[in-house]
């Protein structure tokens, strides 16, 4: 009985996928939308599989993954130390809160012209603007994690003779990791979104964003939906990867 319940629990997420495909197929068969604009699920999945076999879709997927990974790595290296600094010093946080929060509230797409001026229309612009957006998300989560670290454990460390630096490295940083991982999950998703949008509008010859836009322009709808599916699957896998990593490395979160 327990095994069957576990099996049902594991298969439950597939129900939503099944319902989506059924609704899509019904919309296609009933011609609720022009078939030219909405191909059947079979046509779209065939285009997806064909793109992987031919290598073109796989190549664009790889380019998007590389750009997202580089952007996220840059954001992580910059944002985590700054977040620790902000969270551990109330004066620094109050001084920089407004400009950081202002840029975090500004849509990343609105920053494209600025980054184009600074970095040109090359590869660096896509990576820089994605790193910028991801860094702000990670920075605030890290700062909040440091600020909300449990005071009892910090006090206990001080009572036992730990220095301020030891309290920061041995208590506060570990306490802030769950919140930092939340920021990392948001940051990598945001980096992927910005990279795909940048591939659409900032002089790109490859990547999923460029592929989606090109397919739409030539009305190759199966390939467009296949590319959108690839982008969604990539985002889902990245999020799942961080959930697994969070459970593995910060299993004490909330305890």
C-alpha atoms as a PDB file:
ATOM      1  CA  UNK A   1       0.000   0.000   0.000  1.00  0.00           C
ATOM      2  CA  UNK A   2       2.781   2.373   0.932  1.00  0.00           C
ATOM      3  CA  UNK A   3       4.698   1.564  -2.268  1.00  0.00           C
ATOM      4  CA  UNK A   4       1.625   2.206  -4.404  1.00  0.00           C
ATOM      5  CA  UNK A   5       1.062   5.559  -2.711  1.00  0.00           C
ATOM      6  CA  UNK A   6       4.696   6.498  -3.355  1.00  0.00           C
ATOM      7  CA  UNK A   7       4.337   5.497  -7.012  1.00  0.00           C
ATOM      8  CA  UNK A   8       1.163   7.587  -7.368  1.00  0.00           C
ATOM      9  CA  UNK A   9       2.938  10.539  -5.750  1.00  0.00           C
ATOM     10  CA  UNK A  10       5.817  10.282  -8.214  1.00  0.00           C
ATOM     11  CA  UNK A  11       3.497  10.060 -11.219  1.00  0.00           C
ATOM     12  CA  UNK A  12       1.186  12.861 -10.061  1.00  0.00           C
ATOM     13  CA  UNK A  13       3.181  15.695 -11.760  1.00  0.00           C
ATOM     14  CA  UNK A  14       2.652  13.908 -15.093  1.00  0.00           C
ATOM     15  CA  UNK A  15      -1.098  14.455 -14.816  1.00  0.00           C
ATOM     16  CA  UNK A  16      -0.681  18.155 -15.513  1.00  0.00           C
ATOM     17  CA  UNK A  17       1.482  17.394 -18.569  1.00  0.00           C
ATOM     18  CA  UNK A  18      -1.138  14.933 -19.850  1.00  0.00           C
ATOM     19  CA  UNK A  19      -3.969  17.451 -19.385  1.00  0.00           C
ATOM     20  CA  UNK A  20      -1.989  20.144 -21.206  1.00  0.00           C
ATOM     21  CA  UNK A  21      -1.366  17.866 -24.191  1.00  0.00           C
ATOM     22  CA  UNK A  22      -5.036  16.789 -24.264  1.00  0.00           C
ATOM     23  CA  UNK A  23      -6.235  20.409 -24.180  1.00  0.00           C
ATOM     24  CA  UNK A  24      -3.732  21.310 -26.922  1.00  0.00           C
ATOM     25  CA  UNK A  25      -4.895  18.397 -29.110  1.00  0.00           C
ATOM     26  CA  UNK A  26      -8.555  19.303 -28.601  1.00  0.00           C
ATOM     27  CA  UNK A  27      -7.882  22.926 -29.518  1.00  0.00           C
ATOM     28  CA  UNK A  28      -6.136  21.723 -32.690  1.00  0.00           C
ATOM     29  CA  UNK A  29      -8.852  19.232 -33.675  1.00  0.00           C
ATOM     30  CA  UNK A  30     -11.691  21.687 -32.989  1.00  0.00           C
ATOM     31  CA  UNK A  31      -9.874  24.453 -34.917  1.00  0.00           C
ATOM     32  CA  UNK A  32     -10.234  26.869 -32.031  1.00  0.00           C
ATOM     33  CA  UNK A  33      -7.100  28.527 -33.422  1.00  0.00           C
ATOM     34  CA  UNK A  34      -5.933  28.575 -37.033  1.00  0.00           C
ATOM     35  CA  UNK A  35      -3.917  25.338 -37.591  1.00  0.00           C
ATOM     36  CA  UNK A  36      -1.254  27.426 -39.294  1.00  0.00           C
ATOM     37  CA  UNK A  37      -0.681  29.212 -35.992  1.00  0.00           C
ATOM     38  CA  UNK A  38      -1.282  26.231 -33.699  1.00  0.00           C
ATOM     39  CA  UNK A  39       0.091  22.929 -35.032  1.00  0.00           C
ATOM     40  CA  UNK A  40      -0.749  19.665 -33.325  1.00  0.00           C
ATOM     41  CA  UNK A  41       1.329  18.369 -30.399  1.00  0.00           C
ATOM     42  CA  UNK A  42       2.585  15.538 -32.627  1.00  0.00           C
ATOM     43  CA  UNK A  43       3.875  17.994 -35.253  1.00  0.00           C
ATOM     44  CA  UNK A  44       5.608  20.112 -32.620  1.00  0.00           C
ATOM     45  CA  UNK A  45       7.220  17.149 -30.861  1.00  0.00           C
ATOM     46  CA  UNK A  46       8.321  15.779 -34.224  1.00  0.00           C
ATOM     47  CA  UNK A  47       9.986  19.119 -34.985  1.00  0.00           C
ATOM     48  CA  UNK A  48      11.619  19.007 -31.551  1.00  0.00           C
ATOM     49  CA  UNK A  49      12.990  15.489 -32.072  1.00  0.00           C
ATOM     50  CA  UNK A  50      14.090  16.269 -35.623  1.00  0.00           C
ATOM     51  CA  UNK A  51      15.906  19.401 -34.431  1.00  0.00           C
ATOM     52  CA  UNK A  52      17.782  17.362 -31.840  1.00  0.00           C
ATOM     53  CA  UNK A  53      18.699  14.660 -34.359  1.00  0.00           C
ATOM     54  CA  UNK A  54      19.909  17.155 -36.952  1.00  0.00           C
ATOM     55  CA  UNK A  55      21.854  19.007 -34.286  1.00  0.00           C
ATOM     56  CA  UNK A  56      20.533  22.505 -35.020  1.00  0.00           C
ATOM     57  CA  UNK A  57      18.217  22.673 -32.009  1.00  0.00           C
ATOM     58  CA  UNK A  58      20.818  20.992 -29.830  1.00  0.00           C
ATOM     59  CA  UNK A  59      23.411  23.576 -30.905  1.00  0.00           C
ATOM     60  CA  UNK A  60      21.110  26.499 -30.103  1.00  0.00           C
ATOM     61  CA  UNK A  61      20.220  24.908 -26.769  1.00  0.00           C
ATOM     62  CA  UNK A  62      23.905  24.573 -25.907  1.00  0.00           C
ATOM     63  CA  UNK A  63      24.619  28.216 -26.732  1.00  0.00           C
ATOM     64  CA  UNK A  64      21.786  29.362 -24.471  1.00  0.00           C
ATOM     65  CA  UNK A  65      22.993  27.077 -21.668  1.00  0.00           C
ATOM     66  CA  UNK A  66      26.559  28.414 -21.953  1.00  0.00           C
ATOM     67  CA  UNK A  67      25.424  32.047 -21.881  1.00  0.00           C
ATOM     68  CA  UNK A  68      23.136  31.389 -18.923  1.00  0.00           C
ATOM     69  CA  UNK A  69      25.864  29.526 -17.007  1.00  0.00           C
ATOM     70  CA  UNK A  70      28.442  32.278 -17.570  1.00  0.00           C
ATOM     71  CA  UNK A  71      25.949  34.988 -16.590  1.00  0.00           C
ATOM     72  CA  UNK A  72      24.934  33.126 -13.458  1.00  0.00           C
ATOM     73  CA  UNK A  73      28.546  32.436 -12.450  1.00  0.00           C
ATOM     74  CA  UNK A  74      29.441  36.119 -12.792  1.00  0.00           C
ATOM     75  CA  UNK A  75      26.352  37.119 -10.807  1.00  0.00           C
ATOM     76  CA  UNK A  76      27.181  34.606  -8.068  1.00  0.00           C
ATOM     77  CA  UNK A  77      30.787  35.759  -7.671  1.00  0.00           C
ATOM     78  CA  UNK A  78      29.731  39.398  -7.422  1.00  0.00           C
ATOM     79  CA  UNK A  79      26.421  39.169  -5.538  1.00  0.00           C
ATOM     80  CA  UNK A  80      27.204  36.761  -2.691  1.00  0.00           C
ATOM     81  CA  UNK A  81      30.116  38.769  -1.197  1.00  0.00           C
ATOM     82  CA  UNK A  82      28.182  42.022  -1.623  1.00  0.00           C
ATOM     83  CA  UNK A  83      25.097  40.445  -0.069  1.00  0.00           C
ATOM     84  CA  UNK A  84      27.137  39.314   2.933  1.00  0.00           C
ATOM     85  CA  UNK A  85      28.554  42.833   3.276  1.00  0.00           C
ATOM     86  CA  UNK A  86      25.119  44.424   3.052  1.00  0.00           C
ATOM     87  CA  UNK A  87      23.537  41.999   5.466  1.00  0.00           C
ATOM     88  CA  UNK A  88      26.275  42.195   8.081  1.00  0.00           C
ATOM     89  CA  UNK A  89      26.414  45.984   8.215  1.00  0.00           C
ATOM     90  CA  UNK A  90      23.253  47.971   8.866  1.00  0.00           C
ATOM     91  CA  UNK A  91      24.955  51.238   7.838  1.00  0.00           C
ATOM     92  CA  UNK A  92      26.115  49.842   4.491  1.00  0.00           C
ATOM     93  CA  UNK A  93      22.674  48.358   3.842  1.00  0.00           C
ATOM     94  CA  UNK A  94      20.854  51.628   4.529  1.00  0.00           C
ATOM     95  CA  UNK A  95      23.345  53.527   2.351  1.00  0.00           C
ATOM     96  CA  UNK A  96      22.975  51.262  -0.693  1.00  0.00           C
ATOM     97  CA  UNK A  97      19.404  50.022  -0.269  1.00  0.00           C
ATOM     98  CA  UNK A  98      17.745  52.582  -2.545  1.00  0.00           C
ATOM     99  CA  UNK A  99      20.021  52.335  -5.642  1.00  0.00           C
ATOM    100  CA  UNK A 100      20.139  48.534  -5.487  1.00  0.00           C
ATOM    101  CA  UNK A 101      16.382  48.189  -4.945  1.00  0.00           C
ATOM    102  CA  UNK A 102      15.758  50.743  -7.711  1.00  0.00           C
ATOM    103  CA  UNK A 103      17.711  48.759 -10.294  1.00  0.00           C
ATOM    104  CA  UNK A 104      16.214  45.483  -9.060  1.00  0.00           C
ATOM    105  CA  UNK A 105      12.736  46.927  -9.683  1.00  0.00           C
ATOM    106  CA  UNK A 106      13.703  48.111 -13.164  1.00  0.00           C
ATOM    107  CA  UNK A 107      12.861  45.545 -15.904  1.00  0.00           C
ATOM    108  CA  UNK A 108      16.065  44.107 -17.333  1.00  0.00           C
ATOM    109  CA  UNK A 109      14.783  44.665 -20.881  1.00  0.00           C
ATOM    110  CA  UNK A 110      14.688  48.408 -20.171  1.00  0.00           C
ATOM    111  CA  UNK A 111      18.441  48.217 -19.526  1.00  0.00           C
ATOM    112  CA  UNK A 112      19.249  46.818 -22.985  1.00  0.00           C
ATOM    113  CA  UNK A 113      20.018  50.235 -24.560  1.00  0.00           C
ATOM    114  CA  UNK A 114      22.406  51.084 -21.718  1.00  0.00           C
ATOM    115  CA  UNK A 115      24.254  47.789 -21.999  1.00  0.00           C
ATOM    116  CA  UNK A 116      24.386  48.123 -25.790  1.00  0.00           C
ATOM    117  CA  UNK A 117      26.110  51.494 -25.354  1.00  0.00           C
ATOM    118  CA  UNK A 118      28.552  50.078 -22.804  1.00  0.00           C
ATOM    119  CA  UNK A 119      29.346  46.716 -24.398  1.00  0.00           C
ATOM    120  CA  UNK A 120      28.224  46.980 -28.028  1.00  0.00           C
ATOM    121  CA  UNK A 121      26.042  44.406 -29.787  1.00  0.00           C
ATOM    122  CA  UNK A 122      28.336  41.433 -29.231  1.00  0.00           C
ATOM    123  CA  UNK A 123      28.291  38.456 -26.934  1.00  0.00           C
ATOM    124  CA  UNK A 124      29.299  40.504 -23.904  1.00  0.00           C
ATOM    125  CA  UNK A 125      26.025  42.444 -23.832  1.00  0.00           C
ATOM    126  CA  UNK A 126      23.829  39.349 -23.539  1.00  0.00           C
ATOM    127  CA  UNK A 127      25.955  37.972 -20.727  1.00  0.00           C
ATOM    128  CA  UNK A 128      26.345  41.305 -18.914  1.00  0.00           C
ATOM    129  CA  UNK A 129      22.652  42.187 -18.831  1.00  0.00           C
ATOM    130  CA  UNK A 130      21.693  38.667 -17.702  1.00  0.00           C
ATOM    131  CA  UNK A 131      24.375  38.724 -14.996  1.00  0.00           C
ATOM    132  CA  UNK A 132      23.117  42.129 -13.874  1.00  0.00           C
ATOM    133  CA  UNK A 133      19.549  40.913 -13.423  1.00  0.00           C
ATOM    134  CA  UNK A 134      20.543  37.669 -11.710  1.00  0.00           C
ATOM    135  CA  UNK A 135      23.036  39.400  -9.393  1.00  0.00           C
ATOM    136  CA  UNK A 136      20.408  41.725  -7.927  1.00  0.00           C
ATOM    137  CA  UNK A 137      18.137  38.803  -7.066  1.00  0.00           C
ATOM    138  CA  UNK A 138      20.958  36.845  -5.424  1.00  0.00           C
ATOM    139  CA  UNK A 139      22.321  39.915  -3.629  1.00  0.00           C
ATOM    140  CA  UNK A 140      19.093  40.765  -1.808  1.00  0.00           C
ATOM    141  CA  UNK A 141      18.377  37.158  -0.854  1.00  0.00           C
ATOM    142  CA  UNK A 142      21.880  36.767   0.562  1.00  0.00           C
ATOM    143  CA  UNK A 143      21.596  40.045   2.481  1.00  0.00           C
ATOM    144  CA  UNK A 144      18.214  39.066   3.937  1.00  0.00           C
ATOM    145  CA  UNK A 145      19.602  35.678   4.892  1.00  0.00           C
ATOM    146  CA  UNK A 146      22.495  37.271   6.765  1.00  0.00           C
ATOM    147  CA  UNK A 147      20.249  39.810   8.484  1.00  0.00           C
ATOM    148  CA  UNK A 148      17.721  37.183   9.555  1.00  0.00           C
ATOM    149  CA  UNK A 149      20.244  34.695  10.903  1.00  0.00           C
ATOM    150  CA  UNK A 150      19.117  33.365  14.273  1.00  0.00           C
ATOM    151  CA  UNK A 151      20.348  35.670  17.011  1.00  0.00           C
ATOM    152  CA  UNK A 152      20.405  32.897  19.606  1.00  0.00           C
ATOM    153  CA  UNK A 153      23.051  30.936  17.750  1.00  0.00           C
ATOM    154  CA  UNK A 154      25.130  34.046  17.127  1.00  0.00           C
ATOM    155  CA  UNK A 155      24.911  34.954  20.800  1.00  0.00           C
ATOM    156  CA  UNK A 156      25.834  31.412  21.850  1.00  0.00           C
ATOM    157  CA  UNK A 157      28.943  31.555  19.650  1.00  0.00           C
ATOM    158  CA  UNK A 158      29.980  34.883  21.192  1.00  0.00           C
ATOM    159  CA  UNK A 159      29.447  33.524  24.706  1.00  0.00           C
ATOM    160  CA  UNK A 160      31.772  30.640  23.866  1.00  0.00           C
ATOM    161  CA  UNK A 161      34.473  33.127  22.870  1.00  0.00           C
ATOM    162  CA  UNK A 162      34.121  33.267  19.091  1.00  0.00           C
ATOM    163  CA  UNK A 163      35.386  36.414  17.409  1.00  0.00           C
ATOM    164  CA  UNK A 164      33.199  38.565  15.166  1.00  0.00           C
ATOM    165  CA  UNK A 165      34.793  37.028  12.070  1.00  0.00           C
ATOM    166  CA  UNK A 166      34.265  33.498  13.405  1.00  0.00           C
ATOM    167  CA  UNK A 167      30.619  34.227  14.151  1.00  0.00           C
ATOM    168  CA  UNK A 168      30.211  35.473  10.569  1.00  0.00           C
ATOM    169  CA  UNK A 169      31.954  32.547   8.877  1.00  0.00           C
ATOM    170  CA  UNK A 170      30.925  29.707  11.199  1.00  0.00           C
ATOM    171  CA  UNK A 171      27.377  30.737  12.147  1.00  0.00           C
ATOM    172  CA  UNK A 172      25.877  33.568  10.119  1.00  0.00           C
ATOM    173  CA  UNK A 173      26.924  32.346   6.658  1.00  0.00           C
ATOM    174  CA  UNK A 174      25.593  28.853   7.302  1.00  0.00           C
ATOM    175  CA  UNK A 175      22.362  30.295   8.676  1.00  0.00           C
ATOM    176  CA  UNK A 176      21.951  32.439   5.553  1.00  0.00           C
ATOM    177  CA  UNK A 177      22.489  29.605   3.050  1.00  0.00           C
ATOM    178  CA  UNK A 178      18.802  28.584   2.736  1.00  0.00           C
ATOM    179  CA  UNK A 179      17.833  32.138   1.779  1.00  0.00           C
ATOM    180  CA  UNK A 180      20.880  32.409  -0.500  1.00  0.00           C
ATOM    181  CA  UNK A 181      19.768  29.273  -2.350  1.00  0.00           C
ATOM    182  CA  UNK A 182      16.329  30.818  -2.851  1.00  0.00           C
ATOM    183  CA  UNK A 183      18.046  33.785  -4.479  1.00  0.00           C
ATOM    184  CA  UNK A 184      20.191  31.467  -6.597  1.00  0.00           C
ATOM    185  CA  UNK A 185      17.116  29.623  -7.882  1.00  0.00           C
ATOM    186  CA  UNK A 186      15.459  32.922  -8.787  1.00  0.00           C
ATOM    187  CA  UNK A 187      18.713  34.236 -10.222  1.00  0.00           C
ATOM    188  CA  UNK A 188      19.377  31.345 -12.585  1.00  0.00           C
ATOM    189  CA  UNK A 189      15.767  31.434 -13.850  1.00  0.00           C
ATOM    190  CA  UNK A 190      16.001  35.177 -14.388  1.00  0.00           C
ATOM    191  CA  UNK A 191      19.358  34.810 -16.160  1.00  0.00           C
ATOM    192  CA  UNK A 192      17.802  32.280 -18.556  1.00  0.00           C
ATOM    193  CA  UNK A 193      14.836  34.556 -19.315  1.00  0.00           C
ATOM    194  CA  UNK A 194      17.077  37.562 -19.979  1.00  0.00           C
ATOM    195  CA  UNK A 195      19.475  35.545 -22.149  1.00  0.00           C
ATOM    196  CA  UNK A 196      16.623  34.278 -24.348  1.00  0.00           C
ATOM    197  CA  UNK A 197      15.132  37.766 -24.712  1.00  0.00           C
ATOM    198  CA  UNK A 198      18.594  39.173 -25.473  1.00  0.00           C
ATOM    199  CA  UNK A 199      19.114  36.490 -28.134  1.00  0.00           C
ATOM    200  CA  UNK A 200      15.918  37.697 -29.784  1.00  0.00           C
ATOM    201  CA  UNK A 201      16.736  41.386 -29.914  1.00  0.00           C
ATOM    202  CA  UNK A 202      20.518  41.868 -29.571  1.00  0.00           C
ATOM    203  CA  UNK A 203      22.148  40.786 -32.827  1.00  0.00           C
ATOM    204  CA  UNK A 204      22.353  37.046 -32.252  1.00  0.00           C
ATOM    205  CA  UNK A 205      22.887  34.310 -34.826  1.00  0.00           C
ATOM    206  CA  UNK A 206      22.297  31.380 -32.486  1.00  0.00           C
ATOM    207  CA  UNK A 207      20.545  30.429 -29.252  1.00  0.00           C
ATOM    208  CA  UNK A 208      16.951  29.492 -28.452  1.00  0.00           C
ATOM    209  CA  UNK A 209      15.747  33.093 -28.455  1.00  0.00           C
ATOM    210  CA  UNK A 210      17.044  33.685 -31.970  1.00  0.00           C
ATOM    211  CA  UNK A 211      15.596  30.349 -33.102  1.00  0.00           C
ATOM    212  CA  UNK A 212      12.139  31.149 -31.712  1.00  0.00           C
ATOM    213  CA  UNK A 213      12.094  34.558 -33.380  1.00  0.00           C
ATOM    214  CA  UNK A 214      13.356  33.262 -36.721  1.00  0.00           C
ATOM    215  CA  UNK A 215      10.781  30.437 -36.756  1.00  0.00           C
ATOM    216  CA  UNK A 216       8.002  32.918 -36.024  1.00  0.00           C
ATOM    217  CA  UNK A 217       9.130  35.222 -38.836  1.00  0.00           C
ATOM    218  CA  UNK A 218       9.041  32.438 -41.460  1.00  0.00           C
ATOM    219  CA  UNK A 219       5.866  30.885 -39.979  1.00  0.00           C
ATOM    220  CA  UNK A 220       7.590  27.609 -39.149  1.00  0.00           C
ATOM    221  CA  UNK A 221       5.234  27.105 -36.232  1.00  0.00           C
ATOM    222  CA  UNK A 222       6.151  23.506 -35.311  1.00  0.00           C
ATOM    223  CA  UNK A 223       9.777  24.538 -34.939  1.00  0.00           C
ATOM    224  CA  UNK A 224       8.773  27.628 -32.964  1.00  0.00           C
ATOM    225  CA  UNK A 225       6.765  25.557 -30.494  1.00  0.00           C
ATOM    226  CA  UNK A 226       9.585  23.010 -30.336  1.00  0.00           C
ATOM    227  CA  UNK A 227      12.031  25.782 -29.430  1.00  0.00           C
ATOM    228  CA  UNK A 228       9.660  27.176 -26.807  1.00  0.00           C
ATOM    229  CA  UNK A 229       9.320  23.683 -25.357  1.00  0.00           C
ATOM    230  CA  UNK A 230      13.127  23.365 -25.240  1.00  0.00           C
ATOM    231  CA  UNK A 231      13.396  26.700 -23.411  1.00  0.00           C
ATOM    232  CA  UNK A 232      10.711  25.682 -20.913  1.00  0.00           C
ATOM    233  CA  UNK A 233      12.300  22.282 -20.329  1.00  0.00           C
ATOM    234  CA  UNK A 234      15.674  23.941 -19.764  1.00  0.00           C
ATOM    235  CA  UNK A 235      14.202  26.332 -17.205  1.00  0.00           C
ATOM    236  CA  UNK A 236      12.431  23.482 -15.436  1.00  0.00           C
ATOM    237  CA  UNK A 237      15.612  21.380 -15.272  1.00  0.00           C
ATOM    238  CA  UNK A 238      17.673  24.269 -13.903  1.00  0.00           C
ATOM    239  CA  UNK A 239      15.084  24.902 -11.204  1.00  0.00           C
ATOM    240  CA  UNK A 240      14.934  21.181 -10.360  1.00  0.00           C
ATOM    241  CA  UNK A 241      18.728  21.044 -10.173  1.00  0.00           C
ATOM    242  CA  UNK A 242      18.801  23.798  -7.562  1.00  0.00           C
ATOM    243  CA  UNK A 243      15.973  22.203  -5.575  1.00  0.00           C
ATOM    244  CA  UNK A 244      17.976  18.960  -5.389  1.00  0.00           C
ATOM    245  CA  UNK A 245      21.155  20.853  -4.480  1.00  0.00           C
ATOM    246  CA  UNK A 246      19.304  22.811  -1.807  1.00  0.00           C
ATOM    247  CA  UNK A 247      17.936  19.639  -0.213  1.00  0.00           C
ATOM    248  CA  UNK A 248      21.392  18.077  -0.362  1.00  0.00           C
ATOM    249  CA  UNK A 249      23.505  20.941   0.986  1.00  0.00           C
ATOM    250  CA  UNK A 250      21.142  22.992   3.174  1.00  0.00           C
ATOM    251  CA  UNK A 251      18.951  20.229   4.572  1.00  0.00           C
ATOM    252  CA  UNK A 252      18.903  22.004   7.933  1.00  0.00           C
ATOM    253  CA  UNK A 253      16.972  24.979   6.509  1.00  0.00           C
ATOM    254  CA  UNK A 254      14.093  26.000   8.819  1.00  0.00           C
ATOM    255  CA  UNK A 255      15.296  23.771  11.647  1.00  0.00           C
END
